[in-house]
């Protein structure tokens, strides 16, 4: 299954089934999940630490490193979806609401090609 055929609800259910089969809900407090997201994010960052931009982009050509990067991203997503499950956050709604705020904060006509 790919991004084109998998829904966010599918992924949330898959993560929740995994957690439930192991009886891990007791450990999946919002605090623990938030910390896990940060820890996994740091593990992803380690793959890019000290690299120049061109070197970071070239990781796509290194199969073993790319697989490790994919796995770290998957870990982040698993914990993020578990966090959403734990707090019953509708991720699509949260994302869309945040994008509206971002669009107001960073109007395209003023920020095109710039970050400040």
PDB file of N, CA and C in Angstrom:
ATOM      1  N   UNK A   1       0.832  -1.184   0.000  1.00  0.00           N
ATOM      2  CA  UNK A   1       0.000   0.000   0.000  1.00  0.00           C
ATOM      3  C   UNK A   1       0.878   1.250   0.000  1.00  0.00           C
ATOM      4  N   UNK A   2       0.452   2.250  -0.680  1.00  0.00           N
ATOM      5  CA  UNK A   2       1.230   3.478  -0.785  1.00  0.00           C
ATOM      6  C   UNK A   2       0.447   4.644  -0.195  1.00  0.00           C
ATOM      7  N   UNK A   3       1.085   5.813  -0.180  1.00  0.00           N
ATOM      8  CA  UNK A   3       0.407   7.023   0.296  1.00  0.00           C
ATOM      9  C   UNK A   3      -0.848   7.313  -0.512  1.00  0.00           C
ATOM     10  N   UNK A   4      -0.845   6.922  -1.771  1.00  0.00           N
ATOM     11  CA  UNK A   4      -1.993   7.211  -2.637  1.00  0.00           C
ATOM     12  C   UNK A   4      -3.215   6.364  -2.285  1.00  0.00           C
ATOM     13  N   UNK A   5      -2.996   5.224  -1.637  1.00  0.00           N
ATOM     14  CA  UNK A   5      -4.121   4.327  -1.369  1.00  0.00           C
ATOM     15  C   UNK A   5      -4.395   4.099   0.122  1.00  0.00           C
ATOM     16  N   UNK A   6      -3.560   4.652   0.983  1.00  0.00           N
ATOM     17  CA  UNK A   6      -3.710   4.460   2.414  1.00  0.00           C
ATOM     18  C   UNK A   6      -4.227   5.738   3.057  1.00  0.00           C
ATOM     19  N   UNK A   7      -5.231   5.610   3.896  1.00  0.00           N
ATOM     20  CA  UNK A   7      -5.752   6.787   4.584  1.00  0.00           C
ATOM     21  C   UNK A   7      -5.057   6.949   5.932  1.00  0.00           C
ATOM     22  N   UNK A   8      -5.172   8.129   6.477  1.00  0.00           N
ATOM     23  CA  UNK A   8      -4.649   8.390   7.810  1.00  0.00           C
ATOM     24  C   UNK A   8      -5.371   7.504   8.827  1.00  0.00           C
ATOM     25  N   UNK A   9      -6.660   7.299   8.633  1.00  0.00           N
ATOM     26  CA  UNK A   9      -7.425   6.416   9.523  1.00  0.00           C
ATOM     27  C   UNK A   9      -6.885   4.989   9.475  1.00  0.00           C
ATOM     28  N   UNK A  10      -6.498   4.535   8.286  1.00  0.00           N
ATOM     29  CA  UNK A  10      -5.894   3.200   8.153  1.00  0.00           C
ATOM     30  C   UNK A  10      -4.623   3.098   8.996  1.00  0.00           C
ATOM     31  N   UNK A  11      -3.776   4.097   8.882  1.00  0.00           N
ATOM     32  CA  UNK A  11      -2.512   4.083   9.614  1.00  0.00           C
ATOM     33  C   UNK A  11      -2.743   4.161  11.121  1.00  0.00           C
ATOM     34  N   UNK A  12      -3.668   5.018  11.534  1.00  0.00           N
ATOM     35  CA  UNK A  12      -3.973   5.127  12.967  1.00  0.00           C
ATOM     36  C   UNK A  12      -4.476   3.800  13.508  1.00  0.00           C
ATOM     37  N   UNK A  13      -5.334   3.139  12.759  1.00  0.00           N
ATOM     38  CA  UNK A  13      -5.867   1.847  13.195  1.00  0.00           C
ATOM     39  C   UNK A  13      -4.767   0.795  13.259  1.00  0.00           C
ATOM     40  N   UNK A  14      -3.880   0.797  12.287  1.00  0.00           N
ATOM     41  CA  UNK A  14      -2.780  -0.172  12.271  1.00  0.00           C
ATOM     42  C   UNK A  14      -1.868   0.013  13.482  1.00  0.00           C
ATOM     43  N   UNK A  15      -1.552   1.269  13.798  1.00  0.00           N
ATOM     44  CA  UNK A  15      -0.713   1.562  14.956  1.00  0.00           C
ATOM     45  C   UNK A  15      -1.445   1.154  16.238  1.00  0.00           C
ATOM     46  N   UNK A  16      -2.734   1.477  16.332  1.00  0.00           N
ATOM     47  CA  UNK A  16      -3.486   1.145  17.543  1.00  0.00           C
ATOM     48  C   UNK A  16      -3.600  -0.364  17.736  1.00  0.00           C
ATOM     49  N   UNK A  17      -3.792  -1.102  16.655  1.00  0.00           N
ATOM     50  CA  UNK A  17      -3.842  -2.559  16.743  1.00  0.00           C
ATOM     51  C   UNK A  17      -2.512  -3.103  17.257  1.00  0.00           C
ATOM     52  N   UNK A  18      -1.428  -2.590  16.743  1.00  0.00           N
ATOM     53  CA  UNK A  18      -0.095  -3.005  17.186  1.00  0.00           C
ATOM     54  C   UNK A  18       0.064  -2.756  18.686  1.00  0.00           C
ATOM     55  N   UNK A  19      -0.312  -1.559  19.132  1.00  0.00           N
ATOM     56  CA  UNK A  19      -0.205  -1.190  20.548  1.00  0.00           C
ATOM     57  C   UNK A  19      -1.103  -2.092  21.399  1.00  0.00           C
ATOM     58  N   UNK A  20      -2.334  -2.285  20.958  1.00  0.00           N
ATOM     59  CA  UNK A  20      -3.293  -3.083  21.729  1.00  0.00           C
ATOM     60  C   UNK A  20      -2.878  -4.550  21.840  1.00  0.00           C
ATOM     61  N   UNK A  21      -2.331  -5.108  20.775  1.00  0.00           N
ATOM     62  CA  UNK A  21      -1.897  -6.506  20.805  1.00  0.00           C
ATOM     63  C   UNK A  21      -0.802  -6.736  21.843  1.00  0.00           C
ATOM     64  N   UNK A  22      -0.075  -5.693  22.170  1.00  0.00           N
ATOM     65  CA  UNK A  22       1.015  -5.797  23.131  1.00  0.00           C
ATOM     66  C   UNK A  22       0.641  -5.241  24.502  1.00  0.00           C
ATOM     67  N   UNK A  23      -0.612  -4.772  24.617  1.00  0.00           N
ATOM     68  CA  UNK A  23      -1.112  -4.163  25.860  1.00  0.00           C
ATOM     69  C   UNK A  23      -0.218  -3.014  26.315  1.00  0.00           C
ATOM     70  N   UNK A  24       0.121  -2.145  25.374  1.00  0.00           N
ATOM     71  CA  UNK A  24       1.014  -1.023  25.649  1.00  0.00           C
ATOM     72  C   UNK A  24       0.284   0.288  25.930  1.00  0.00           C
ATOM     73  N   UNK A  25      -1.050   0.315  25.869  1.00  0.00           N
ATOM     74  CA  UNK A  25      -1.748   1.583  26.131  1.00  0.00           C
ATOM     75  C   UNK A  25      -1.378   2.152  27.488  1.00  0.00           C
ATOM     76  N   UNK A  26      -1.133   1.260  28.447  1.00  0.00           N
ATOM     77  CA  UNK A  26      -0.774   1.696  29.796  1.00  0.00           C
ATOM     78  C   UNK A  26       0.507   2.535  29.811  1.00  0.00           C
ATOM     79  N   UNK A  27       1.353   2.348  28.814  1.00  0.00           N
ATOM     80  CA  UNK A  27       2.612   3.095  28.739  1.00  0.00           C
ATOM     81  C   UNK A  27       2.512   4.316  27.819  1.00  0.00           C
ATOM     82  N   UNK A  28       1.446   4.387  27.057  1.00  0.00           N
ATOM     83  CA  UNK A  28       1.323   5.423  26.029  1.00  0.00           C
ATOM     84  C   UNK A  28       0.602   6.664  26.533  1.00  0.00           C
ATOM     85  N   UNK A  29       1.162   7.246  27.574  1.00  0.00           N
ATOM     86  CA  UNK A  29       0.638   8.522  28.067  1.00  0.00           C
ATOM     87  C   UNK A  29       1.078   9.623  27.100  1.00  0.00           C
ATOM     88  N   UNK A  30       0.357  10.730  27.069  1.00  0.00           N
ATOM     89  CA  UNK A  30       0.791  11.830  26.194  1.00  0.00           C
ATOM     90  C   UNK A  30       2.234  12.260  26.467  1.00  0.00           C
ATOM     91  N   UNK A  31       2.632  12.295  27.738  1.00  0.00           N
ATOM     92  CA  UNK A  31       4.008  12.679  28.083  1.00  0.00           C
ATOM     93  C   UNK A  31       5.012  11.704  27.472  1.00  0.00           C
ATOM     94  N   UNK A  32       4.791  10.416  27.671  1.00  0.00           N
ATOM     95  CA  UNK A  32       5.727   9.417  27.146  1.00  0.00           C
ATOM     96  C   UNK A  32       5.781   9.452  25.629  1.00  0.00           C
ATOM     97  N   UNK A  33       4.636   9.628  25.000  1.00  0.00           N
ATOM     98  CA  UNK A  33       4.597   9.659  23.539  1.00  0.00           C
ATOM     99  C   UNK A  33       5.272  10.916  22.996  1.00  0.00           C
ATOM    100  N   UNK A  34       5.054  12.054  23.652  1.00  0.00           N
ATOM    101  CA  UNK A  34       5.711  13.295  23.225  1.00  0.00           C
ATOM    102  C   UNK A  34       7.227  13.148  23.334  1.00  0.00           C
ATOM    103  N   UNK A  35       7.679  12.542  24.422  1.00  0.00           N
ATOM    104  CA  UNK A  35       9.114  12.314  24.597  1.00  0.00           C
ATOM    105  C   UNK A  35       9.642  11.362  23.524  1.00  0.00           C
ATOM    106  N   UNK A  36       8.870  10.340  23.206  1.00  0.00           N
ATOM    107  CA  UNK A  36       9.294   9.371  22.187  1.00  0.00           C
ATOM    108  C   UNK A  36       9.408  10.026  20.813  1.00  0.00           C
ATOM    109  N   UNK A  37       8.492  10.942  20.503  1.00  0.00           N
ATOM    110  CA  UNK A  37       8.573  11.671  19.235  1.00  0.00           C
ATOM    111  C   UNK A  37       9.882  12.462  19.181  1.00  0.00           C
ATOM    112  N   UNK A  38      10.211  13.136  20.275  1.00  0.00           N
ATOM    113  CA  UNK A  38      11.441  13.928  20.318  1.00  0.00           C
ATOM    114  C   UNK A  38      12.679  13.043  20.198  1.00  0.00           C
ATOM    115  N   UNK A  39      12.669  11.918  20.882  1.00  0.00           N
ATOM    116  CA  UNK A  39      13.820  11.003  20.843  1.00  0.00           C
ATOM    117  C   UNK A  39      14.026  10.464  19.432  1.00  0.00           C
ATOM    118  N   UNK A  40      12.944  10.012  18.804  1.00  0.00           N
ATOM    119  CA  UNK A  40      13.056   9.475  17.444  1.00  0.00           C
ATOM    120  C   UNK A  40      13.461  10.565  16.457  1.00  0.00           C
ATOM    121  N   UNK A  41      12.995  11.793  16.688  1.00  0.00           N
ATOM    122  CA  UNK A  41      13.396  12.912  15.824  1.00  0.00           C
ATOM    123  C   UNK A  41      14.893  13.161  15.936  1.00  0.00           C
ATOM    124  N   UNK A  42      15.422  13.055  17.145  1.00  0.00           N
ATOM    125  CA  UNK A  42      16.867  13.222  17.337  1.00  0.00           C
ATOM    126  C   UNK A  42      17.636  12.114  16.613  1.00  0.00           C
ATOM    127  N   UNK A  43      17.100  10.900  16.630  1.00  0.00           N
ATOM    128  CA  UNK A  43      17.760   9.800  15.921  1.00  0.00           C
ATOM    129  C   UNK A  43      17.763  10.056  14.411  1.00  0.00           C
ATOM    130  N   UNK A  44      16.711  10.657  13.896  1.00  0.00           N
ATOM    131  CA  UNK A  44      16.682  11.026  12.481  1.00  0.00           C
ATOM    132  C   UNK A  44      17.721  12.107  12.196  1.00  0.00           C
ATOM    133  N   UNK A  45      17.796  13.084  13.077  1.00  0.00           N
ATOM    134  CA  UNK A  45      18.743  14.183  12.877  1.00  0.00           C
ATOM    135  C   UNK A  45      20.188  13.702  12.865  1.00  0.00           C
ATOM    136  N   UNK A  46      20.491  12.651  13.615  1.00  0.00           N
ATOM    137  CA  UNK A  46      21.857  12.139  13.654  1.00  0.00           C
ATOM    138  C   UNK A  46      22.378  11.775  12.266  1.00  0.00           C
ATOM    139  N   UNK A  47      21.492  11.320  11.389  1.00  0.00           N
ATOM    140  CA  UNK A  47      21.916  10.936  10.040  1.00  0.00           C
ATOM    141  C   UNK A  47      22.368  12.138   9.212  1.00  0.00           C
ATOM    142  N   UNK A  48      21.974  13.334   9.620  1.00  0.00           N
ATOM    143  CA  UNK A  48      22.271  14.535   8.848  1.00  0.00           C
ATOM    144  C   UNK A  48      23.240  15.482   9.558  1.00  0.00           C
ATOM    145  N   UNK A  49      23.552  15.153  10.808  1.00  0.00           N
ATOM    146  CA  UNK A  49      24.436  16.011  11.578  1.00  0.00           C
ATOM    147  C   UNK A  49      25.774  16.146  10.867  1.00  0.00           C
ATOM    148  N   UNK A  50      26.236  17.365  10.760  1.00  0.00           N
ATOM    149  CA  UNK A  50      27.529  17.735  10.190  1.00  0.00           C
ATOM    150  C   UNK A  50      27.589  17.642   8.660  1.00  0.00           C
ATOM    151  N   UNK A  51      26.505  17.275   8.011  1.00  0.00           N
ATOM    152  CA  UNK A  51      26.525  17.198   6.546  1.00  0.00           C
ATOM    153  C   UNK A  51      26.196  18.558   5.933  1.00  0.00           C
ATOM    154  N   UNK A  52      26.824  18.843   4.822  1.00  0.00           N
ATOM    155  CA  UNK A  52      26.443  20.005   4.026  1.00  0.00           C
ATOM    156  C   UNK A  52      25.144  19.661   3.305  1.00  0.00           C
ATOM    157  N   UNK A  53      24.437  20.663   2.807  1.00  0.00           N
ATOM    158  CA  UNK A  53      23.151  20.422   2.138  1.00  0.00           C
ATOM    159  C   UNK A  53      23.259  19.425   0.995  1.00  0.00           C
ATOM    160  N   UNK A  54      24.295  19.552   0.185  1.00  0.00           N
ATOM    161  CA  UNK A  54      24.462  18.636  -0.948  1.00  0.00           C
ATOM    162  C   UNK A  54      24.672  17.205  -0.460  1.00  0.00           C
ATOM    163  N   UNK A  55      25.432  17.033   0.615  1.00  0.00           N
ATOM    164  CA  UNK A  55      25.651  15.692   1.172  1.00  0.00           C
ATOM    165  C   UNK A  55      24.354  15.117   1.735  1.00  0.00           C
ATOM    166  N   UNK A  56      23.561  15.954   2.386  1.00  0.00           N
ATOM    167  CA  UNK A  56      22.292  15.503   2.953  1.00  0.00           C
ATOM    168  C   UNK A  56      21.341  15.029   1.853  1.00  0.00           C
ATOM    169  N   UNK A  57      21.300  15.771   0.764  1.00  0.00           N
ATOM    170  CA  UNK A  57      20.446  15.377  -0.356  1.00  0.00           C
ATOM    171  C   UNK A  57      20.938  14.097  -1.022  1.00  0.00           C
ATOM    172  N   UNK A  58      22.235  13.856  -0.971  1.00  0.00           N
ATOM    173  CA  UNK A  58      22.829  12.679  -1.611  1.00  0.00           C
ATOM    174  C   UNK A  58      22.536  11.389  -0.846  1.00  0.00           C
ATOM    175  N   UNK A  59      21.990  11.504   0.350  1.00  0.00           N
ATOM    176  CA  UNK A  59      21.648  10.299   1.123  1.00  0.00           C
ATOM    177  C   UNK A  59      20.686   9.408   0.341  1.00  0.00           C
ATOM    178  N   UNK A  60      19.881  10.011  -0.491  1.00  0.00           N
ATOM    179  CA  UNK A  60      18.911   9.240  -1.282  1.00  0.00           C
ATOM    180  C   UNK A  60      19.605   8.192  -2.146  1.00  0.00           C
ATOM    181  N   UNK A  61      20.864   8.399  -2.461  1.00  0.00           N
ATOM    182  CA  UNK A  61      21.622   7.457  -3.286  1.00  0.00           C
ATOM    183  C   UNK A  61      22.362   6.393  -2.475  1.00  0.00           C
ATOM    184  N   UNK A  62      22.249   6.455  -1.159  1.00  0.00           N
ATOM    185  CA  UNK A  62      22.917   5.494  -0.273  1.00  0.00           C
ATOM    186  C   UNK A  62      21.856   4.586   0.334  1.00  0.00           C
ATOM    187  N   UNK A  63      21.709   3.399  -0.231  1.00  0.00           N
ATOM    188  CA  UNK A  63      20.600   2.500   0.124  1.00  0.00           C
ATOM    189  C   UNK A  63      20.515   2.195   1.614  1.00  0.00           C
ATOM    190  N   UNK A  64      21.624   1.848   2.229  1.00  0.00           N
ATOM    191  CA  UNK A  64      21.591   1.464   3.650  1.00  0.00           C
ATOM    192  C   UNK A  64      21.199   2.644   4.536  1.00  0.00           C
ATOM    193  N   UNK A  65      21.803   3.799   4.289  1.00  0.00           N
ATOM    194  CA  UNK A  65      21.480   4.992   5.063  1.00  0.00           C
ATOM    195  C   UNK A  65      20.046   5.415   4.815  1.00  0.00           C
ATOM    196  N   UNK A  66      19.618   5.342   3.570  1.00  0.00           N
ATOM    197  CA  UNK A  66      18.248   5.713   3.231  1.00  0.00           C
ATOM    198  C   UNK A  66      17.245   4.821   3.962  1.00  0.00           C
ATOM    199  N   UNK A  67      17.540   3.542   4.066  1.00  0.00           N
ATOM    200  CA  UNK A  67      16.665   2.622   4.800  1.00  0.00           C
ATOM    201  C   UNK A  67      16.594   3.013   6.275  1.00  0.00           C
ATOM    202  N   UNK A  68      17.717   3.377   6.851  1.00  0.00           N
ATOM    203  CA  UNK A  68      17.738   3.813   8.251  1.00  0.00           C
ATOM    204  C   UNK A  68      16.934   5.095   8.438  1.00  0.00           C
ATOM    205  N   UNK A  69      17.047   6.022   7.503  1.00  0.00           N
ATOM    206  CA  UNK A  69      16.294   7.278   7.558  1.00  0.00           C
ATOM    207  C   UNK A  69      14.797   6.997   7.456  1.00  0.00           C
ATOM    208  N   UNK A  70      14.426   6.111   6.544  1.00  0.00           N
ATOM    209  CA  UNK A  70      13.011   5.732   6.398  1.00  0.00           C
ATOM    210  C   UNK A  70      12.464   5.139   7.693  1.00  0.00           C
ATOM    211  N   UNK A  71      13.270   4.296   8.340  1.00  0.00           N
ATOM    212  CA  UNK A  71      12.833   3.663   9.584  1.00  0.00           C
ATOM    213  C   UNK A  71      12.681   4.679  10.708  1.00  0.00           C
ATOM    214  N   UNK A  72      13.575   5.653  10.776  1.00  0.00           N
ATOM    215  CA  UNK A  72      13.438   6.699  11.793  1.00  0.00           C
ATOM    216  C   UNK A  72      12.192   7.536  11.544  1.00  0.00           C
ATOM    217  N   UNK A  73      11.939   7.869  10.289  1.00  0.00           N
ATOM    218  CA  UNK A  73      10.720   8.610   9.966  1.00  0.00           C
ATOM    219  C   UNK A  73       9.481   7.795  10.339  1.00  0.00           C
ATOM    220  N   UNK A  74       9.504   6.503  10.058  1.00  0.00           N
ATOM    221  CA  UNK A  74       8.380   5.633  10.415  1.00  0.00           C
ATOM    222  C   UNK A  74       8.180   5.595  11.931  1.00  0.00           C
ATOM    223  N   UNK A  75       9.275   5.557  12.687  1.00  0.00           N
ATOM    224  CA  UNK A  75       9.162   5.580  14.146  1.00  0.00           C
ATOM    225  C   UNK A  75       8.496   6.865  14.621  1.00  0.00           C
ATOM    226  N   UNK A  76       8.904   7.992  14.041  1.00  0.00           N
ATOM    227  CA  UNK A  76       8.305   9.287  14.404  1.00  0.00           C
ATOM    228  C   UNK A  76       6.815   9.265  14.104  1.00  0.00           C
ATOM    229  N   UNK A  77       6.461   8.784  12.919  1.00  0.00           N
ATOM    230  CA  UNK A  77       5.042   8.738  12.544  1.00  0.00           C
ATOM    231  C   UNK A  77       4.246   7.814  13.450  1.00  0.00           C
ATOM    232  N   UNK A  78       4.825   6.662  13.798  1.00  0.00           N
ATOM    233  CA  UNK A  78       4.131   5.730  14.706  1.00  0.00           C
ATOM    234  C   UNK A  78       3.820   6.403  16.034  1.00  0.00           C
ATOM    235  N   UNK A  79       4.812   7.065  16.595  1.00  0.00           N
ATOM    236  CA  UNK A  79       4.590   7.725  17.877  1.00  0.00           C
ATOM    237  C   UNK A  79       3.647   8.919  17.733  1.00  0.00           C
ATOM    238  N   UNK A  80       3.730   9.647  16.631  1.00  0.00           N
ATOM    239  CA  UNK A  80       2.819  10.776  16.414  1.00  0.00           C
ATOM    240  C   UNK A  80       1.373  10.285  16.286  1.00  0.00           C
ATOM    241  N   UNK A  81       1.175   9.191  15.573  1.00  0.00           N
ATOM    242  CA  UNK A  81      -0.176   8.644  15.441  1.00  0.00           C
ATOM    243  C   UNK A  81      -0.658   8.067  16.765  1.00  0.00           C
ATOM    244  N   UNK A  82       0.222   7.454  17.546  1.00  0.00           N
ATOM    245  CA  UNK A  82      -0.154   6.977  18.874  1.00  0.00           C
ATOM    246  C   UNK A  82      -0.531   8.146  19.774  1.00  0.00           C
ATOM    247  N   UNK A  83       0.193   9.249  19.642  1.00  0.00           N
ATOM    248  CA  UNK A  83      -0.121  10.468  20.396  1.00  0.00           C
ATOM    249  C   UNK A  83      -1.515  10.976  20.024  1.00  0.00           C
ATOM    250  N   UNK A  84      -1.782  11.007  18.730  1.00  0.00           N
ATOM    251  CA  UNK A  84      -3.113  11.429  18.266  1.00  0.00           C
ATOM    252  C   UNK A  84      -4.192  10.491  18.794  1.00  0.00           C
ATOM    253  N   UNK A  85      -3.915   9.202  18.787  1.00  0.00           N
ATOM    254  CA  UNK A  85      -4.873   8.232  19.316  1.00  0.00           C
ATOM    255  C   UNK A  85      -5.106   8.452  20.807  1.00  0.00           C
ATOM    256  N   UNK A  86      -4.024   8.673  21.555  1.00  0.00           N
ATOM    257  CA  UNK A  86      -4.129   8.827  23.008  1.00  0.00           C
ATOM    258  C   UNK A  86      -4.955  10.047  23.395  1.00  0.00           C
ATOM    259  N   UNK A  87      -4.833  11.129  22.619  1.00  0.00           N
ATOM    260  CA  UNK A  87      -5.553  12.367  22.939  1.00  0.00           C
ATOM    261  C   UNK A  87      -6.757  12.609  22.031  1.00  0.00           C
ATOM    262  N   UNK A  88      -7.061  11.623  21.207  1.00  0.00           N
ATOM    263  CA  UNK A  88      -8.202  11.711  20.281  1.00  0.00           C
ATOM    264  C   UNK A  88      -8.152  12.987  19.445  1.00  0.00           C
ATOM    265  N   UNK A  89      -6.983  13.247  18.890  1.00  0.00           N
ATOM    266  CA  UNK A  89      -6.783  14.403  18.011  1.00  0.00           C
ATOM    267  C   UNK A  89      -7.060  13.966  16.585  1.00  0.00           C
ATOM    268  N   UNK A  90      -7.927  14.688  15.912  1.00  0.00           N
ATOM    269  CA  UNK A  90      -8.162  14.447  14.492  1.00  0.00           C
ATOM    270  C   UNK A  90      -7.021  15.138  13.746  1.00  0.00           C
ATOM    271  N   UNK A  91      -6.093  14.351  13.249  1.00  0.00           N
ATOM    272  CA  UNK A  91      -4.866  14.871  12.654  1.00  0.00           C
ATOM    273  C   UNK A  91      -5.159  15.731  11.427  1.00  0.00           C
ATOM    274  N   UNK A  92      -6.069  15.301  10.584  1.00  0.00           N
ATOM    275  CA  UNK A  92      -6.391  16.070   9.371  1.00  0.00           C
ATOM    276  C   UNK A  92      -6.922  17.448   9.730  1.00  0.00           C
ATOM    277  N   UNK A  93      -7.812  17.510  10.702  1.00  0.00           N
ATOM    278  CA  UNK A  93      -8.364  18.792  11.132  1.00  0.00           C
ATOM    279  C   UNK A  93      -7.278  19.658  11.752  1.00  0.00           C
ATOM    280  N   UNK A  94      -6.470  19.058  12.634  1.00  0.00           N
ATOM    281  CA  UNK A  94      -5.397  19.814  13.282  1.00  0.00           C
ATOM    282  C   UNK A  94      -4.430  20.393  12.254  1.00  0.00           C
ATOM    283  N   UNK A  95      -4.067  19.582  11.262  1.00  0.00           N
ATOM    284  CA  UNK A  95      -3.139  20.042  10.233  1.00  0.00           C
ATOM    285  C   UNK A  95      -3.745  21.165   9.395  1.00  0.00           C
ATOM    286  N   UNK A  96      -4.971  20.976   8.984  1.00  0.00           N
ATOM    287  CA  UNK A  96      -5.611  22.016   8.162  1.00  0.00           C
ATOM    288  C   UNK A  96      -5.770  23.320   8.935  1.00  0.00           C
ATOM    289  N   UNK A  97      -6.153  23.240  10.212  1.00  0.00           N
ATOM    290  CA  UNK A  97      -6.273  24.451  11.025  1.00  0.00           C
ATOM    291  C   UNK A  97      -4.920  25.153  11.154  1.00  0.00           C
ATOM    292  N   UNK A  98      -3.871  24.376  11.343  1.00  0.00           N
ATOM    293  CA  UNK A  98      -2.534  24.959  11.465  1.00  0.00           C
ATOM    294  C   UNK A  98      -2.080  25.582  10.148  1.00  0.00           C
ATOM    295  N   UNK A  99      -2.418  24.968   9.032  1.00  0.00           N
ATOM    296  CA  UNK A  99      -2.043  25.534   7.732  1.00  0.00           C
ATOM    297  C   UNK A  99      -2.739  26.872   7.490  1.00  0.00           C
ATOM    298  N   UNK A 100      -3.963  27.019   7.958  1.00  0.00           N
ATOM    299  CA  UNK A 100      -4.663  28.307   7.847  1.00  0.00           C
ATOM    300  C   UNK A 100      -3.904  29.367   8.646  1.00  0.00           C
ATOM    301  N   UNK A 101      -3.499  29.014   9.871  1.00  0.00           N
ATOM    302  CA  UNK A 101      -2.724  29.949  10.692  1.00  0.00           C
ATOM    303  C   UNK A 101      -1.380  30.274  10.026  1.00  0.00           C
ATOM    304  N   UNK A 102      -0.718  29.250   9.486  1.00  0.00           N
ATOM    305  CA  UNK A 102       0.563  29.473   8.808  1.00  0.00           C
ATOM    306  C   UNK A 102       0.412  30.382   7.602  1.00  0.00           C
ATOM    307  N   UNK A 103      -0.671  30.204   6.845  1.00  0.00           N
ATOM    308  CA  UNK A 103      -0.901  31.041   5.662  1.00  0.00           C
ATOM    309  C   UNK A 103      -1.095  32.501   6.058  1.00  0.00           C
ATOM    310  N   UNK A 104      -1.761  32.732   7.188  1.00  0.00           N
ATOM    311  CA  UNK A 104      -1.955  34.101   7.664  1.00  0.00           C
ATOM    312  C   UNK A 104      -0.640  34.685   8.196  1.00  0.00           C
ATOM    313  N   UNK A 105       0.149  33.865   8.860  1.00  0.00           N
ATOM    314  CA  UNK A 105       1.403  34.316   9.441  1.00  0.00           C
ATOM    315  C   UNK A 105       2.480  34.531   8.379  1.00  0.00           C
ATOM    316  N   UNK A 106       2.445  33.710   7.334  1.00  0.00           N
ATOM    317  CA  UNK A 106       3.454  33.757   6.271  1.00  0.00           C
ATOM    318  C   UNK A 106       2.782  33.893   4.904  1.00  0.00           C
ATOM    319  N   UNK A 107       2.216  35.050   4.599  1.00  0.00           N
ATOM    320  CA  UNK A 107       1.548  35.213   3.304  1.00  0.00           C
ATOM    321  C   UNK A 107       2.529  34.967   2.149  1.00  0.00           C
ATOM    322  N   UNK A 108       2.079  34.231   1.157  1.00  0.00           N
ATOM    323  CA  UNK A 108       2.947  33.841   0.049  1.00  0.00           C
ATOM    324  C   UNK A 108       3.565  35.046  -0.656  1.00  0.00           C
ATOM    325  N   UNK A 109       2.804  36.112  -0.816  1.00  0.00           N
ATOM    326  CA  UNK A 109       3.320  37.279  -1.532  1.00  0.00           C
ATOM    327  C   UNK A 109       4.463  37.965  -0.775  1.00  0.00           C
ATOM    328  N   UNK A 110       4.532  37.786   0.546  1.00  0.00           N
ATOM    329  CA  UNK A 110       5.598  38.402   1.342  1.00  0.00           C
ATOM    330  C   UNK A 110       6.750  37.446   1.654  1.00  0.00           C
ATOM    331  N   UNK A 111       6.473  36.146   1.581  1.00  0.00           N
ATOM    332  CA  UNK A 111       7.485  35.174   2.001  1.00  0.00           C
ATOM    333  C   UNK A 111       7.991  34.261   0.884  1.00  0.00           C
ATOM    334  N   UNK A 112       7.528  34.481  -0.330  1.00  0.00           N
ATOM    335  CA  UNK A 112       7.972  33.644  -1.446  1.00  0.00           C
ATOM    336  C   UNK A 112       9.488  33.726  -1.599  1.00  0.00           C
ATOM    337  N   UNK A 113      10.156  32.592  -1.457  1.00  0.00           N
ATOM    338  CA  UNK A 113      11.593  32.534  -1.601  1.00  0.00           C
ATOM    339  C   UNK A 113      12.387  33.063  -0.416  1.00  0.00           C
ATOM    340  N   UNK A 114      11.690  33.378   0.687  1.00  0.00           N
ATOM    341  CA  UNK A 114      12.369  33.894   1.879  1.00  0.00           C
ATOM    342  C   UNK A 114      11.798  33.209   3.119  1.00  0.00           C
ATOM    343  N   UNK A 115      12.555  33.158   4.168  1.00  0.00           N
ATOM    344  CA  UNK A 115      12.053  32.593   5.415  1.00  0.00           C
ATOM    345  C   UNK A 115      11.821  33.663   6.469  1.00  0.00           C
ATOM    346  N   UNK A 116      12.208  34.898   6.207  1.00  0.00           N
ATOM    347  CA  UNK A 116      11.998  36.008   7.149  1.00  0.00           C
ATOM    348  C   UNK A 116      11.250  37.117   6.488  1.00  0.00           C
TER     349      UNK A 116
END
